Amino acid sequence: MTDKSAATSSTTDNWNVNYSKAQKIPSPNYTPSRTKPITCLVLHGTAGGGTIEWFLNPASKVSSHYVVGQDGRVTQMVHESDIAWHAGVVSPTSVFANKGNPNQFSIGIEFSRNKTNDNIMPDVQISSGLDLVENIRTRYPNIVIYFHDEISIGRICPGPNFPKEIFRS
C-alpha cells in the first residue's frame, strides 16, 4: 500500500466529519494531509458538464472539495483535511500573489454551470450551495470567501450571473 492509498483509505473512513449531506465520490487528484490551517473558501464555475468524471480522471490533475450540481446535489470529491487541486495558478496582481499556493489553505467548491459560465443558476443550486457554505463557515468561523477570478485574474470563473453578493453576505 502506497502512502497515497493509505491516506485515501483513512480519508474516506473519516468523511462523516465534513458536510454530511454530500454524496462522497473520492477523486484521486489531491495531496494528502494539509499542513496549513484552512482560512479561505474558493468558489468556482465548472464551465460545462462532466466535472465529476473529469475530477475522477488522474490525467486531469484537477479536483475540488465539493461540486454543487444544478439539481442541488452536493458531491464531496476531496476530504477537507486534504489539499484539492482547484486554484493553484495565481496571477501576479492577485491578493494571493507571493503568498504560496492557495490550495494549501483553502476549500474549493465548484458550481455546475454551462460552458461559458454565464447561465442563471437554479434556485435549488443556490440554496444547496448556501447551505454548504454556511456549514463550512460554522466549522471554520474566520473563513474568507474568494472567487476563482480573484486568484487567477482574467479567468471567467465562477462567471457572469454568479450571485457573488449572496455568497459573500
C-alpha atoms as a PDB file:
ATOM      1  CA  MET A   1       0.000   0.000   0.000  1.00  0.00           C
ATOM      2  CA  THR A   2       1.429   3.338  -1.035  1.00  0.00           C
ATOM      3  CA  ASP A   3       1.283   6.410   1.180  1.00  0.00           C
ATOM      4  CA  LYS A   4      -1.417   7.955  -1.018  1.00  0.00           C
ATOM      5  CA  SER A   5      -3.663   4.889  -0.908  1.00  0.00           C
ATOM      6  CA  ALA A   6      -3.260   4.764   2.868  1.00  0.00           C
ATOM      7  CA  ALA A   7      -4.313   8.409   3.029  1.00  0.00           C
ATOM      8  CA  THR A   8      -7.270   7.699   0.752  1.00  0.00           C
ATOM      9  CA  SER A   9      -8.349   4.816   2.958  1.00  0.00           C
ATOM     10  CA  SER A  10      -8.238   6.861   6.163  1.00  0.00           C
ATOM     11  CA  THR A  11      -9.805   9.855   4.433  1.00  0.00           C
ATOM     12  CA  THR A  12     -12.884   8.014   3.218  1.00  0.00           C
ATOM     13  CA  ASP A  13     -13.305   6.434   6.666  1.00  0.00           C
ATOM     14  CA  ASN A  14     -13.497   9.921   8.247  1.00  0.00           C
ATOM     15  CA  TRP A  15     -15.642  11.763   5.684  1.00  0.00           C
ATOM     16  CA  ASN A  16     -18.565  11.940   8.079  1.00  0.00           C
ATOM     17  CA  VAL A  17     -16.861  14.921   9.780  1.00  0.00           C
ATOM     18  CA  ASN A  18     -17.323  17.118   6.687  1.00  0.00           C
ATOM     19  CA  TYR A  19     -20.629  18.051   5.022  1.00  0.00           C
ATOM     20  CA  SER A  20     -22.998  15.191   5.874  1.00  0.00           C
ATOM     21  CA  LYS A  21     -25.469  15.991   3.045  1.00  0.00           C
ATOM     22  CA  ALA A  22     -22.869  15.339   0.333  1.00  0.00           C
ATOM     23  CA  GLN A  23     -22.520  12.196  -1.693  1.00  0.00           C
ATOM     24  CA  LYS A  24     -18.928  11.016  -1.359  1.00  0.00           C
ATOM     25  CA  ILE A  25     -17.057  10.226  -4.596  1.00  0.00           C
ATOM     26  CA  PRO A  26     -13.288  10.389  -3.906  1.00  0.00           C
ATOM     27  CA  SER A  27     -11.060  11.952  -6.549  1.00  0.00           C
ATOM     28  CA  PRO A  28      -7.512  10.602  -6.918  1.00  0.00           C
ATOM     29  CA  ASN A  29      -6.326  14.173  -7.565  1.00  0.00           C
ATOM     30  CA  TYR A  30      -5.296  15.647  -4.237  1.00  0.00           C
ATOM     31  CA  THR A  31      -2.384  15.980  -1.835  1.00  0.00           C
ATOM     32  CA  PRO A  32      -2.897  14.174   1.468  1.00  0.00           C
ATOM     33  CA  SER A  33      -2.786  15.903   4.834  1.00  0.00           C
ATOM     34  CA  ARG A  34      -2.789  19.685   4.979  1.00  0.00           C
ATOM     35  CA  THR A  35      -0.029  21.386   6.896  1.00  0.00           C
ATOM     36  CA  LYS A  36      -1.638  24.851   6.900  1.00  0.00           C
ATOM     37  CA  PRO A  37      -4.924  25.861   8.545  1.00  0.00           C
ATOM     38  CA  ILE A  38      -7.965  26.448   6.353  1.00  0.00           C
ATOM     39  CA  THR A  39      -8.509  30.207   6.052  1.00  0.00           C
ATOM     40  CA  CYS A  40     -10.468  30.644   2.833  1.00  0.00           C
ATOM     41  CA  LEU A  41     -13.122  29.211   0.604  1.00  0.00           C
ATOM     42  CA  VAL A  42     -12.780  29.488  -3.190  1.00  0.00           C
ATOM     43  CA  LEU A  43     -15.924  29.364  -5.327  1.00  0.00           C
ATOM     44  CA  HIS A  44     -15.735  28.238  -8.964  1.00  0.00           C
ATOM     45  CA  GLY A  45     -17.925  27.659 -12.029  1.00  0.00           C
ATOM     46  CA  THR A  46     -17.360  24.416 -13.941  1.00  0.00           C
ATOM     47  CA  ALA A  47     -17.575  25.853 -17.492  1.00  0.00           C
ATOM     48  CA  GLY A  48     -19.535  22.842 -18.693  1.00  0.00           C
ATOM     49  CA  GLY A  49     -20.684  19.409 -17.611  1.00  0.00           C
ATOM     50  CA  GLY A  50     -18.790  16.253 -16.778  1.00  0.00           C
ATOM     51  CA  THR A  51     -16.973  17.794 -13.821  1.00  0.00           C
ATOM     52  CA  ILE A  52     -17.182  14.795 -11.509  1.00  0.00           C
ATOM     53  CA  GLU A  53     -15.913  12.468 -14.236  1.00  0.00           C
ATOM     54  CA  TRP A  54     -13.092  14.929 -15.005  1.00  0.00           C
ATOM     55  CA  PHE A  55     -12.096  15.083 -11.334  1.00  0.00           C
ATOM     56  CA  LEU A  56     -12.041  11.260 -11.247  1.00  0.00           C
ATOM     57  CA  ASN A  57      -9.563  11.151 -14.141  1.00  0.00           C
ATOM     58  CA  PRO A  58      -5.959  11.102 -12.838  1.00  0.00           C
ATOM     59  CA  ALA A  59      -4.765  12.665 -16.116  1.00  0.00           C
ATOM     60  CA  SER A  60      -6.807  15.835 -15.442  1.00  0.00           C
ATOM     61  CA  LYS A  61      -4.726  16.687 -12.359  1.00  0.00           C
ATOM     62  CA  VAL A  62      -7.607  18.818 -11.018  1.00  0.00           C
ATOM     63  CA  SER A  63     -10.189  18.468  -8.278  1.00  0.00           C
ATOM     64  CA  SER A  64     -12.144  20.415  -5.708  1.00  0.00           C
ATOM     65  CA  HIS A  65     -13.518  19.505  -2.336  1.00  0.00           C
ATOM     66  CA  TYR A  66     -17.152  19.848  -3.436  1.00  0.00           C
ATOM     67  CA  VAL A  67     -19.272  20.040  -6.591  1.00  0.00           C
ATOM     68  CA  VAL A  68     -22.762  21.563  -6.402  1.00  0.00           C
ATOM     69  CA  GLY A  69     -24.965  20.363  -9.259  1.00  0.00           C
ATOM     70  CA  GLN A  70     -27.696  22.370 -10.937  1.00  0.00           C
ATOM     71  CA  ASP A  71     -30.166  19.927  -9.355  1.00  0.00           C
ATOM     72  CA  GLY A  72     -28.877  20.895  -5.897  1.00  0.00           C
ATOM     73  CA  ARG A  73     -26.970  17.687  -5.251  1.00  0.00           C
ATOM     74  CA  VAL A  74     -23.652  18.149  -3.485  1.00  0.00           C
ATOM     75  CA  THR A  75     -20.763  15.768  -4.135  1.00  0.00           C
ATOM     76  CA  GLN A  76     -17.641  15.715  -1.999  1.00  0.00           C
ATOM     77  CA  MET A  77     -14.556  14.766  -4.017  1.00  0.00           C
ATOM     78  CA  VAL A  78     -11.721  15.511  -1.559  1.00  0.00           C
ATOM     79  CA  HIS A  79     -11.746  15.469   2.232  1.00  0.00           C
ATOM     80  CA  GLU A  80     -11.332  18.925   3.738  1.00  0.00           C
ATOM     81  CA  SER A  81      -8.232  17.806   5.631  1.00  0.00           C
ATOM     82  CA  ASP A  82      -6.557  17.114   2.266  1.00  0.00           C
ATOM     83  CA  ILE A  83      -5.496  19.560  -0.464  1.00  0.00           C
ATOM     84  CA  ALA A  84      -7.681  19.657  -3.585  1.00  0.00           C
ATOM     85  CA  TRP A  85      -6.137  20.961  -6.809  1.00  0.00           C
ATOM     86  CA  HIS A  86      -8.502  23.800  -7.772  1.00  0.00           C
ATOM     87  CA  ALA A  87      -6.802  27.210  -7.539  1.00  0.00           C
ATOM     88  CA  GLY A  88      -3.061  26.789  -7.822  1.00  0.00           C
ATOM     89  CA  VAL A  89      -2.378  29.288 -10.620  1.00  0.00           C
ATOM     90  CA  VAL A  90      -2.040  32.722  -9.011  1.00  0.00           C
ATOM     91  CA  SER A  91      -1.829  35.911 -11.063  1.00  0.00           C
ATOM     92  CA  PRO A  92       0.853  38.443 -10.102  1.00  0.00           C
ATOM     93  CA  THR A  93      -1.872  41.049  -9.410  1.00  0.00           C
ATOM     94  CA  SER A  94      -3.959  38.743  -7.219  1.00  0.00           C
ATOM     95  CA  VAL A  95      -4.334  39.275  -3.473  1.00  0.00           C
ATOM     96  CA  PHE A  96      -2.663  35.853  -3.209  1.00  0.00           C
ATOM     97  CA  ALA A  97       0.468  36.830  -5.164  1.00  0.00           C
ATOM     98  CA  ASN A  98       3.599  35.755  -3.299  1.00  0.00           C
ATOM     99  CA  LYS A  99       1.556  34.048  -0.550  1.00  0.00           C
ATOM    100  CA  GLY A 100       2.018  30.476  -1.702  1.00  0.00           C
ATOM    101  CA  ASN A 101      -0.393  28.082  -3.341  1.00  0.00           C
ATOM    102  CA  PRO A 102      -3.935  28.889  -2.127  1.00  0.00           C
ATOM    103  CA  ASN A 103      -4.875  25.211  -2.444  1.00  0.00           C
ATOM    104  CA  GLN A 104      -2.843  24.620   0.711  1.00  0.00           C
ATOM    105  CA  PHE A 105      -5.129  26.771   2.869  1.00  0.00           C
ATOM    106  CA  SER A 106      -8.485  26.773   1.048  1.00  0.00           C
ATOM    107  CA  ILE A 107     -11.561  24.660   0.456  1.00  0.00           C
ATOM    108  CA  GLY A 108     -12.762  24.621  -3.165  1.00  0.00           C
ATOM    109  CA  ILE A 109     -16.390  24.446  -4.276  1.00  0.00           C
ATOM    110  CA  GLU A 110     -17.336  24.027  -7.945  1.00  0.00           C
ATOM    111  CA  PHE A 111     -20.812  25.047  -9.102  1.00  0.00           C
ATOM    112  CA  SER A 112     -22.006  23.260 -12.250  1.00  0.00           C
ATOM    113  CA  ARG A 113     -22.511  25.894 -14.939  1.00  0.00           C
ATOM    114  CA  ASN A 114     -22.823  25.983 -18.708  1.00  0.00           C
ATOM    115  CA  LYS A 115     -19.780  26.050 -20.972  1.00  0.00           C
ATOM    116  CA  THR A 116     -19.427  29.854 -20.795  1.00  0.00           C
ATOM    117  CA  ASN A 117     -20.158  30.033 -17.037  1.00  0.00           C
ATOM    118  CA  ASP A 118     -22.928  32.565 -17.650  1.00  0.00           C
ATOM    119  CA  ASN A 119     -26.183  30.684 -17.078  1.00  0.00           C
ATOM    120  CA  ILE A 120     -28.655  31.826 -14.442  1.00  0.00           C
ATOM    121  CA  MET A 121     -28.209  29.317 -11.639  1.00  0.00           C
ATOM    122  CA  PRO A 122     -31.322  27.434 -10.492  1.00  0.00           C
ATOM    123  CA  ASP A 123     -32.678  28.367  -7.054  1.00  0.00           C
ATOM    124  CA  VAL A 124     -32.143  24.811  -5.793  1.00  0.00           C
ATOM    125  CA  GLN A 125     -28.443  25.007  -6.707  1.00  0.00           C
ATOM    126  CA  ILE A 126     -28.015  28.359  -4.992  1.00  0.00           C
ATOM    127  CA  SER A 127     -29.867  27.102  -1.906  1.00  0.00           C
ATOM    128  CA  SER A 128     -27.721  23.953  -1.684  1.00  0.00           C
ATOM    129  CA  GLY A 129     -24.560  25.988  -2.214  1.00  0.00           C
ATOM    130  CA  LEU A 130     -25.535  28.438   0.514  1.00  0.00           C
ATOM    131  CA  ASP A 131     -26.258  25.563   2.901  1.00  0.00           C
ATOM    132  CA  LEU A 132     -22.833  24.065   2.174  1.00  0.00           C
ATOM    133  CA  VAL A 133     -21.083  27.431   2.606  1.00  0.00           C
ATOM    134  CA  GLU A 134     -22.921  28.077   5.887  1.00  0.00           C
ATOM    135  CA  ASN A 135     -21.946  24.635   7.136  1.00  0.00           C
ATOM    136  CA  ILE A 136     -18.293  25.335   6.320  1.00  0.00           C
ATOM    137  CA  ARG A 137     -18.493  28.797   7.940  1.00  0.00           C
ATOM    138  CA  THR A 138     -19.831  27.162  11.114  1.00  0.00           C
ATOM    139  CA  ARG A 139     -16.860  24.817  11.255  1.00  0.00           C
ATOM    140  CA  TYR A 140     -14.304  27.466  10.216  1.00  0.00           C
ATOM    141  CA  PRO A 141     -15.710  30.720  11.724  1.00  0.00           C
ATOM    142  CA  ASN A 142     -12.994  33.037  10.357  1.00  0.00           C
ATOM    143  CA  ILE A 143     -13.015  31.697   6.798  1.00  0.00           C
ATOM    144  CA  VAL A 144     -12.976  34.289   3.997  1.00  0.00           C
ATOM    145  CA  ILE A 145     -14.763  33.710   0.671  1.00  0.00           C
ATOM    146  CA  TYR A 146     -12.974  34.346  -2.623  1.00  0.00           C
ATOM    147  CA  PHE A 147     -13.929  33.681  -6.217  1.00  0.00           C
ATOM    148  CA  HIS A 148     -11.530  31.944  -8.576  1.00  0.00           C
ATOM    149  CA  ASP A 149     -11.247  35.030 -10.791  1.00  0.00           C
ATOM    150  CA  GLU A 150      -9.766  36.893  -7.798  1.00  0.00           C
ATOM    151  CA  ILE A 151      -6.903  34.394  -7.713  1.00  0.00           C
ATOM    152  CA  SER A 152      -6.382  33.780 -11.409  1.00  0.00           C
ATOM    153  CA  ILE A 153      -7.135  37.242 -12.786  1.00  0.00           C
ATOM    154  CA  GLY A 154      -8.853  37.204 -16.172  1.00  0.00           C
ATOM    155  CA  ARG A 155     -10.498  33.796 -15.732  1.00  0.00           C
ATOM    156  CA  ILE A 156     -14.234  33.685 -16.261  1.00  0.00           C
ATOM    157  CA  CYS A 157     -14.812  31.732 -13.076  1.00  0.00           C
ATOM    158  CA  PRO A 158     -17.236  31.489 -11.434  1.00  0.00           C
ATOM    159  CA  GLY A 159     -18.512  33.649 -14.298  1.00  0.00           C
ATOM    160  CA  PRO A 160     -21.227  36.181 -15.112  1.00  0.00           C
ATOM    161  CA  ASN A 161     -24.567  35.828 -13.348  1.00  0.00           C
ATOM    162  CA  PHE A 162     -22.953  34.040 -10.399  1.00  0.00           C
ATOM    163  CA  PRO A 163     -24.670  35.507  -7.307  1.00  0.00           C
ATOM    164  CA  LYS A 164     -21.455  36.667  -5.643  1.00  0.00           C
ATOM    165  CA  GLU A 165     -23.143  39.102  -3.264  1.00  0.00           C
ATOM    166  CA  ILE A 166     -25.368  36.331  -1.846  1.00  0.00           C
ATOM    167  CA  PHE A 167     -22.392  34.089  -1.099  1.00  0.00           C
ATOM    168  CA  ARG A 168     -20.283  36.860   0.443  1.00  0.00           C
ATOM    169  CA  SER A 169     -23.025  38.108   2.802  1.00  0.00           C
END
